[in-house]
């Protein structure tokens, strides 16, 4: 997968700088297995002339493993996911600002994704693969099938609009002293920025997985070019 053409790249949403304090994303069972393969290759003194070939070979071995053979890597992934959930919870609490502020409603797609995760629960599919399968199924869904999620999104947005209006009203009433109009404008601007950041939180988790795939594929392409 190559880099996007300049014209297409311009249309992409500009990503905000990475937060160095944000918890490291989870490592899947497959990536733990890949690390195991590299470790075994180093111990045996096996050279890895081409990363893409080595990755392909390990991927084939992974597919051939039984559930019992995958269990140690699944357990590591589960433990790392528990670590991530706890760290992300702490991270969001520290960066949430006002805990009384209403949370933005989820998009139609993320409502669908929540249901899809429940459906995939217990099937031994890692987080990255679930995201890929969910995106694929969502793109194939007709407008009629998507309607229930769009309806839920509209209902949640109505509740949010009422709650955020009341919240902003209370925030405005708490402002004392200096020119109220100027202060109220500042408060609204800050709240709108917070809303945008909250809306990005769920998307960032999915994008981080996608970025990891893109970076890995680009590294493989660079290796191919060097070999040629």
C-alpha atoms as a PDB file:
ATOM      1  CA  UNK A   1       0.000   0.000   0.000  1.00  0.00           C
ATOM      2  CA  UNK A   2       1.667   3.173  -1.196  1.00  0.00           C
ATOM      3  CA  UNK A   3       1.463   6.714   0.062  1.00  0.00           C
ATOM      4  CA  UNK A   4      -1.568   8.759  -0.932  1.00  0.00           C
ATOM      5  CA  UNK A   5      -1.277  11.160  -3.908  1.00  0.00           C
ATOM      6  CA  UNK A   6      -0.816  14.808  -2.939  1.00  0.00           C
ATOM      7  CA  UNK A   7      -4.374  15.718  -3.969  1.00  0.00           C
ATOM      8  CA  UNK A   8      -5.885  12.943  -1.868  1.00  0.00           C
ATOM      9  CA  UNK A   9      -3.601  13.670   1.057  1.00  0.00           C
ATOM     10  CA  UNK A  10      -4.855  17.271   1.167  1.00  0.00           C
ATOM     11  CA  UNK A  11      -8.383  16.034   1.745  1.00  0.00           C
ATOM     12  CA  UNK A  12      -7.427  14.031   4.804  1.00  0.00           C
ATOM     13  CA  UNK A  13      -8.202  15.385   8.227  1.00  0.00           C
ATOM     14  CA  UNK A  14      -5.173  17.027   9.781  1.00  0.00           C
ATOM     15  CA  UNK A  15      -4.222  15.038  12.852  1.00  0.00           C
ATOM     16  CA  UNK A  16      -3.420  16.797  16.063  1.00  0.00           C
ATOM     17  CA  UNK A  17       0.005  16.195  17.649  1.00  0.00           C
ATOM     18  CA  UNK A  18       0.390  12.938  19.529  1.00  0.00           C
ATOM     19  CA  UNK A  19      -0.115  13.169  23.284  1.00  0.00           C
ATOM     20  CA  UNK A  20       2.995  11.618  24.849  1.00  0.00           C
ATOM     21  CA  UNK A  21       0.998  10.933  28.030  1.00  0.00           C
ATOM     22  CA  UNK A  22      -1.661   8.909  26.222  1.00  0.00           C
ATOM     23  CA  UNK A  23      -1.404   5.190  27.145  1.00  0.00           C
ATOM     24  CA  UNK A  24       0.320   2.938  24.638  1.00  0.00           C
ATOM     25  CA  UNK A  25      -2.216   1.034  22.548  1.00  0.00           C
ATOM     26  CA  UNK A  26      -2.782  -2.673  23.121  1.00  0.00           C
ATOM     27  CA  UNK A  27      -0.598  -5.344  21.543  1.00  0.00           C
ATOM     28  CA  UNK A  28      -2.500  -8.158  19.844  1.00  0.00           C
ATOM     29  CA  UNK A  29      -1.765 -11.863  20.307  1.00  0.00           C
ATOM     30  CA  UNK A  30      -0.440 -11.914  16.736  1.00  0.00           C
ATOM     31  CA  UNK A  31       2.140  -9.198  17.445  1.00  0.00           C
ATOM     32  CA  UNK A  32       3.248 -11.017  20.593  1.00  0.00           C
ATOM     33  CA  UNK A  33       3.796 -14.067  18.394  1.00  0.00           C
ATOM     34  CA  UNK A  34       5.796 -11.963  15.904  1.00  0.00           C
ATOM     35  CA  UNK A  35       8.032 -10.756  18.739  1.00  0.00           C
ATOM     36  CA  UNK A  36       8.460 -14.393  19.797  1.00  0.00           C
ATOM     37  CA  UNK A  37       9.537 -15.321  16.247  1.00  0.00           C
ATOM     38  CA  UNK A  38      12.124 -12.528  16.188  1.00  0.00           C
ATOM     39  CA  UNK A  39      13.434 -13.590  19.588  1.00  0.00           C
ATOM     40  CA  UNK A  40      13.784 -17.209  18.416  1.00  0.00           C
ATOM     41  CA  UNK A  41      15.546 -16.094  15.235  1.00  0.00           C
ATOM     42  CA  UNK A  42      18.029 -14.020  17.261  1.00  0.00           C
ATOM     43  CA  UNK A  43      18.713 -16.892  19.654  1.00  0.00           C
ATOM     44  CA  UNK A  44      19.384 -19.335  16.813  1.00  0.00           C
ATOM     45  CA  UNK A  45      21.558 -16.824  14.961  1.00  0.00           C
ATOM     46  CA  UNK A  46      19.220 -16.776  11.964  1.00  0.00           C
ATOM     47  CA  UNK A  47      19.676 -13.689   9.808  1.00  0.00           C
ATOM     48  CA  UNK A  48      16.648 -11.845   8.499  1.00  0.00           C
ATOM     49  CA  UNK A  49      17.664 -10.551   5.053  1.00  0.00           C
ATOM     50  CA  UNK A  50      14.189  -9.319   4.120  1.00  0.00           C
ATOM     51  CA  UNK A  51      11.644  -8.206   6.712  1.00  0.00           C
ATOM     52  CA  UNK A  52       8.644  -8.715   4.429  1.00  0.00           C
ATOM     53  CA  UNK A  53       9.580 -12.368   3.748  1.00  0.00           C
ATOM     54  CA  UNK A  54      10.153 -13.027   7.455  1.00  0.00           C
ATOM     55  CA  UNK A  55       6.798 -11.436   8.336  1.00  0.00           C
ATOM     56  CA  UNK A  56       5.000 -13.486   5.682  1.00  0.00           C
ATOM     57  CA  UNK A  57       6.612 -16.696   6.945  1.00  0.00           C
ATOM     58  CA  UNK A  58       5.632 -15.974  10.562  1.00  0.00           C
ATOM     59  CA  UNK A  59       2.111 -15.047   9.476  1.00  0.00           C
ATOM     60  CA  UNK A  60       1.685 -18.433   7.776  1.00  0.00           C
ATOM     61  CA  UNK A  61       2.951 -20.205  10.906  1.00  0.00           C
ATOM     62  CA  UNK A  62       0.510 -18.190  13.049  1.00  0.00           C
ATOM     63  CA  UNK A  63      -2.444 -19.249  10.896  1.00  0.00           C
ATOM     64  CA  UNK A  64      -1.424 -22.882  11.305  1.00  0.00           C
ATOM     65  CA  UNK A  65      -1.287 -22.738  15.120  1.00  0.00           C
ATOM     66  CA  UNK A  66      -4.028 -24.426  17.134  1.00  0.00           C
ATOM     67  CA  UNK A  67      -6.050 -22.581  19.781  1.00  0.00           C
ATOM     68  CA  UNK A  68      -3.961 -24.290  22.462  1.00  0.00           C
ATOM     69  CA  UNK A  69      -0.713 -23.142  20.836  1.00  0.00           C
ATOM     70  CA  UNK A  70      -2.045 -19.584  20.561  1.00  0.00           C
ATOM     71  CA  UNK A  71      -3.186 -19.516  24.184  1.00  0.00           C
ATOM     72  CA  UNK A  72       0.071 -18.070  25.712  1.00  0.00           C
ATOM     73  CA  UNK A  73      -0.060 -15.175  23.248  1.00  0.00           C
ATOM     74  CA  UNK A  74      -3.803 -14.668  23.779  1.00  0.00           C
ATOM     75  CA  UNK A  75      -3.181 -14.465  27.532  1.00  0.00           C
ATOM     76  CA  UNK A  76      -0.466 -11.842  27.051  1.00  0.00           C
ATOM     77  CA  UNK A  77      -2.799  -9.834  24.821  1.00  0.00           C
ATOM     78  CA  UNK A  78      -5.635 -10.062  27.379  1.00  0.00           C
ATOM     79  CA  UNK A  79      -3.306  -8.904  30.152  1.00  0.00           C
ATOM     80  CA  UNK A  80      -2.091  -5.996  28.036  1.00  0.00           C
ATOM     81  CA  UNK A  81      -5.672  -5.031  27.187  1.00  0.00           C
ATOM     82  CA  UNK A  82      -6.524  -4.921  30.906  1.00  0.00           C
ATOM     83  CA  UNK A  83      -3.483  -2.676  31.400  1.00  0.00           C
ATOM     84  CA  UNK A  84      -4.623  -0.394  28.589  1.00  0.00           C
ATOM     85  CA  UNK A  85      -8.214  -0.152  29.858  1.00  0.00           C
ATOM     86  CA  UNK A  86      -7.015   0.846  33.331  1.00  0.00           C
ATOM     87  CA  UNK A  87      -4.426   3.342  32.052  1.00  0.00           C
ATOM     88  CA  UNK A  88      -6.903   4.862  29.591  1.00  0.00           C
ATOM     89  CA  UNK A  89      -9.495   5.224  32.340  1.00  0.00           C
ATOM     90  CA  UNK A  90      -6.951   7.047  34.522  1.00  0.00           C
ATOM     91  CA  UNK A  91      -5.822   9.134  31.558  1.00  0.00           C
ATOM     92  CA  UNK A  92      -9.360  10.227  30.685  1.00  0.00           C
ATOM     93  CA  UNK A  93     -10.126  11.093  34.300  1.00  0.00           C
ATOM     94  CA  UNK A  94      -7.058  13.326  34.478  1.00  0.00           C
ATOM     95  CA  UNK A  95      -7.841  15.016  31.157  1.00  0.00           C
ATOM     96  CA  UNK A  96     -11.630  15.146  31.318  1.00  0.00           C
ATOM     97  CA  UNK A  97     -11.819  18.648  32.775  1.00  0.00           C
ATOM     98  CA  UNK A  98     -15.275  19.150  34.269  1.00  0.00           C
ATOM     99  CA  UNK A  99     -16.699  15.706  35.210  1.00  0.00           C
ATOM    100  CA  UNK A 100     -20.225  17.199  35.060  1.00  0.00           C
ATOM    101  CA  UNK A 101     -19.932  18.085  31.378  1.00  0.00           C
ATOM    102  CA  UNK A 102     -22.227  15.941  29.186  1.00  0.00           C
ATOM    103  CA  UNK A 103     -20.426  13.464  26.936  1.00  0.00           C
ATOM    104  CA  UNK A 104     -20.936  13.791  23.187  1.00  0.00           C
ATOM    105  CA  UNK A 105     -23.165  11.160  21.561  1.00  0.00           C
ATOM    106  CA  UNK A 106     -21.500   8.421  19.540  1.00  0.00           C
ATOM    107  CA  UNK A 107     -21.807   8.418  15.762  1.00  0.00           C
ATOM    108  CA  UNK A 108     -23.998   5.890  13.953  1.00  0.00           C
ATOM    109  CA  UNK A 109     -20.902   3.878  13.056  1.00  0.00           C
ATOM    110  CA  UNK A 110     -19.606   3.697  16.630  1.00  0.00           C
ATOM    111  CA  UNK A 111     -23.040   2.584  17.870  1.00  0.00           C
ATOM    112  CA  UNK A 112     -22.846  -0.193  15.284  1.00  0.00           C
ATOM    113  CA  UNK A 113     -19.250  -0.959  16.325  1.00  0.00           C
ATOM    114  CA  UNK A 114     -20.345  -1.448  19.947  1.00  0.00           C
ATOM    115  CA  UNK A 115     -22.942  -4.026  18.839  1.00  0.00           C
ATOM    116  CA  UNK A 116     -20.424  -5.670  16.523  1.00  0.00           C
ATOM    117  CA  UNK A 117     -17.891  -6.056  19.349  1.00  0.00           C
ATOM    118  CA  UNK A 118     -20.542  -7.785  21.466  1.00  0.00           C
ATOM    119  CA  UNK A 119     -21.311 -10.136  18.569  1.00  0.00           C
ATOM    120  CA  UNK A 120     -17.587 -10.959  18.142  1.00  0.00           C
ATOM    121  CA  UNK A 121     -16.989 -11.430  21.873  1.00  0.00           C
ATOM    122  CA  UNK A 122     -15.583 -14.845  22.748  1.00  0.00           C
ATOM    123  CA  UNK A 123     -14.597 -15.729  19.180  1.00  0.00           C
ATOM    124  CA  UNK A 124     -10.874 -15.233  19.766  1.00  0.00           C
ATOM    125  CA  UNK A 125     -10.569 -12.370  17.274  1.00  0.00           C
ATOM    126  CA  UNK A 126      -8.130  -9.604  18.212  1.00  0.00           C
ATOM    127  CA  UNK A 127      -9.043  -5.918  18.406  1.00  0.00           C
ATOM    128  CA  UNK A 128      -7.418  -4.904  15.126  1.00  0.00           C
ATOM    129  CA  UNK A 129      -9.180  -7.639  13.170  1.00  0.00           C
ATOM    130  CA  UNK A 130     -12.525  -6.726  14.753  1.00  0.00           C
ATOM    131  CA  UNK A 131     -12.075  -3.121  13.596  1.00  0.00           C
ATOM    132  CA  UNK A 132     -11.268  -4.293  10.072  1.00  0.00           C
ATOM    133  CA  UNK A 133     -14.256  -6.663   9.918  1.00  0.00           C
ATOM    134  CA  UNK A 134     -16.593  -4.017  11.379  1.00  0.00           C
ATOM    135  CA  UNK A 135     -15.510  -1.424   8.830  1.00  0.00           C
ATOM    136  CA  UNK A 136     -15.977  -3.945   6.029  1.00  0.00           C
ATOM    137  CA  UNK A 137     -19.470  -4.935   7.194  1.00  0.00           C
ATOM    138  CA  UNK A 138     -20.527  -1.295   7.724  1.00  0.00           C
ATOM    139  CA  UNK A 139     -19.503  -0.381   4.169  1.00  0.00           C
ATOM    140  CA  UNK A 140     -21.586  -3.265   2.784  1.00  0.00           C
ATOM    141  CA  UNK A 141     -24.685  -2.395   4.815  1.00  0.00           C
ATOM    142  CA  UNK A 142     -27.602  -0.782   2.977  1.00  0.00           C
ATOM    143  CA  UNK A 143     -29.113   2.520   4.107  1.00  0.00           C
ATOM    144  CA  UNK A 144     -32.157   0.649   5.435  1.00  0.00           C
ATOM    145  CA  UNK A 145     -29.997  -1.600   7.630  1.00  0.00           C
ATOM    146  CA  UNK A 146     -28.126   1.460   8.940  1.00  0.00           C
ATOM    147  CA  UNK A 147     -31.343   3.311   9.814  1.00  0.00           C
ATOM    148  CA  UNK A 148     -31.674   1.944  13.395  1.00  0.00           C
ATOM    149  CA  UNK A 149     -28.176   3.226  14.227  1.00  0.00           C
ATOM    150  CA  UNK A 150     -28.850   6.585  12.591  1.00  0.00           C
ATOM    151  CA  UNK A 151     -32.107   6.846  14.554  1.00  0.00           C
ATOM    152  CA  UNK A 152     -30.283   6.061  17.835  1.00  0.00           C
ATOM    153  CA  UNK A 153     -27.661   8.661  16.954  1.00  0.00           C
ATOM    154  CA  UNK A 154     -30.328  11.340  16.369  1.00  0.00           C
ATOM    155  CA  UNK A 155     -32.056  10.469  19.644  1.00  0.00           C
ATOM    156  CA  UNK A 156     -28.799  10.606  21.585  1.00  0.00           C
ATOM    157  CA  UNK A 157     -27.888  13.902  19.917  1.00  0.00           C
ATOM    158  CA  UNK A 158     -31.208  15.457  20.957  1.00  0.00           C
ATOM    159  CA  UNK A 159     -30.570  14.418  24.564  1.00  0.00           C
ATOM    160  CA  UNK A 160     -27.029  15.767  24.319  1.00  0.00           C
ATOM    161  CA  UNK A 161     -28.166  19.118  22.864  1.00  0.00           C
ATOM    162  CA  UNK A 162     -30.558  19.604  25.788  1.00  0.00           C
ATOM    163  CA  UNK A 163     -27.952  18.542  28.361  1.00  0.00           C
ATOM    164  CA  UNK A 164     -25.130  20.677  26.905  1.00  0.00           C
ATOM    165  CA  UNK A 165     -27.398  23.721  26.635  1.00  0.00           C
ATOM    166  CA  UNK A 166     -28.287  23.364  30.316  1.00  0.00           C
ATOM    167  CA  UNK A 167     -24.619  22.802  31.175  1.00  0.00           C
ATOM    168  CA  UNK A 168     -23.528  25.941  29.297  1.00  0.00           C
ATOM    169  CA  UNK A 169     -26.306  27.912  30.934  1.00  0.00           C
ATOM    170  CA  UNK A 170     -25.088  26.852  34.387  1.00  0.00           C
ATOM    171  CA  UNK A 171     -21.497  27.626  33.388  1.00  0.00           C
ATOM    172  CA  UNK A 172     -22.524  31.097  32.216  1.00  0.00           C
ATOM    173  CA  UNK A 173     -24.363  31.788  35.476  1.00  0.00           C
ATOM    174  CA  UNK A 174     -21.220  30.928  37.423  1.00  0.00           C
ATOM    175  CA  UNK A 175     -19.185  33.622  35.647  1.00  0.00           C
ATOM    176  CA  UNK A 176     -18.868  36.647  37.910  1.00  0.00           C
ATOM    177  CA  UNK A 177     -17.090  39.981  37.653  1.00  0.00           C
ATOM    178  CA  UNK A 178     -15.473  40.923  34.312  1.00  0.00           C
ATOM    179  CA  UNK A 179     -17.477  41.672  31.112  1.00  0.00           C
ATOM    180  CA  UNK A 180     -19.916  38.762  30.878  1.00  0.00           C
ATOM    181  CA  UNK A 181     -20.204  38.694  27.064  1.00  0.00           C
ATOM    182  CA  UNK A 182     -16.436  38.376  26.521  1.00  0.00           C
ATOM    183  CA  UNK A 183     -16.054  35.741  29.249  1.00  0.00           C
ATOM    184  CA  UNK A 184     -19.017  33.755  28.025  1.00  0.00           C
ATOM    185  CA  UNK A 185     -17.514  33.725  24.516  1.00  0.00           C
ATOM    186  CA  UNK A 186     -14.236  32.370  25.875  1.00  0.00           C
ATOM    187  CA  UNK A 187     -16.054  29.662  27.822  1.00  0.00           C
ATOM    188  CA  UNK A 188     -18.078  28.606  24.762  1.00  0.00           C
ATOM    189  CA  UNK A 189     -14.948  28.484  22.586  1.00  0.00           C
ATOM    190  CA  UNK A 190     -13.140  26.351  25.151  1.00  0.00           C
ATOM    191  CA  UNK A 191     -16.128  24.015  25.451  1.00  0.00           C
ATOM    192  CA  UNK A 192     -16.364  23.642  21.673  1.00  0.00           C
ATOM    193  CA  UNK A 193     -12.677  22.698  21.558  1.00  0.00           C
ATOM    194  CA  UNK A 194     -13.305  20.129  24.308  1.00  0.00           C
ATOM    195  CA  UNK A 195     -16.241  18.733  22.328  1.00  0.00           C
ATOM    196  CA  UNK A 196     -14.021  18.255  19.266  1.00  0.00           C
ATOM    197  CA  UNK A 197     -11.379  16.499  21.359  1.00  0.00           C
ATOM    198  CA  UNK A 198     -13.974  14.159  22.908  1.00  0.00           C
ATOM    199  CA  UNK A 199     -15.362  13.339  19.458  1.00  0.00           C
ATOM    200  CA  UNK A 200     -11.851  12.384  18.336  1.00  0.00           C
ATOM    201  CA  UNK A 201     -11.140  10.034  21.269  1.00  0.00           C
ATOM    202  CA  UNK A 202     -12.911   6.963  19.884  1.00  0.00           C
ATOM    203  CA  UNK A 203     -11.725   7.684  16.335  1.00  0.00           C
ATOM    204  CA  UNK A 204      -8.105   7.972  17.506  1.00  0.00           C
ATOM    205  CA  UNK A 205      -8.153   4.435  18.912  1.00  0.00           C
ATOM    206  CA  UNK A 206      -9.261   3.048  15.556  1.00  0.00           C
ATOM    207  CA  UNK A 207      -6.863   5.328  13.638  1.00  0.00           C
ATOM    208  CA  UNK A 208      -3.890   4.248  15.735  1.00  0.00           C
ATOM    209  CA  UNK A 209      -4.471   0.656  14.644  1.00  0.00           C
ATOM    210  CA  UNK A 210      -4.787   1.773  11.013  1.00  0.00           C
ATOM    211  CA  UNK A 211      -1.611   3.877  11.263  1.00  0.00           C
ATOM    212  CA  UNK A 212       0.327   0.906  12.614  1.00  0.00           C
ATOM    213  CA  UNK A 213      -0.719  -1.140   9.587  1.00  0.00           C
ATOM    214  CA  UNK A 214       0.202   1.646   7.167  1.00  0.00           C
ATOM    215  CA  UNK A 215       3.618   2.175   8.761  1.00  0.00           C
ATOM    216  CA  UNK A 216       4.343  -1.560   8.659  1.00  0.00           C
ATOM    217  CA  UNK A 217       3.343  -1.817   5.003  1.00  0.00           C
ATOM    218  CA  UNK A 218       5.419   1.233   4.075  1.00  0.00           C
ATOM    219  CA  UNK A 219       8.448  -0.239   5.836  1.00  0.00           C
ATOM    220  CA  UNK A 220       8.020  -3.433   3.811  1.00  0.00           C
ATOM    221  CA  UNK A 221       7.826  -1.403   0.590  1.00  0.00           C
ATOM    222  CA  UNK A 222      11.019   0.467   1.533  1.00  0.00           C
ATOM    223  CA  UNK A 223      12.735  -2.877   2.141  1.00  0.00           C
ATOM    224  CA  UNK A 224      11.626  -4.080  -1.317  1.00  0.00           C
ATOM    225  CA  UNK A 225      12.999  -0.922  -2.957  1.00  0.00           C
ATOM    226  CA  UNK A 226      16.352  -1.309  -1.199  1.00  0.00           C
ATOM    227  CA  UNK A 227      16.623  -4.948  -2.334  1.00  0.00           C
ATOM    228  CA  UNK A 228      15.957  -3.940  -5.946  1.00  0.00           C
END
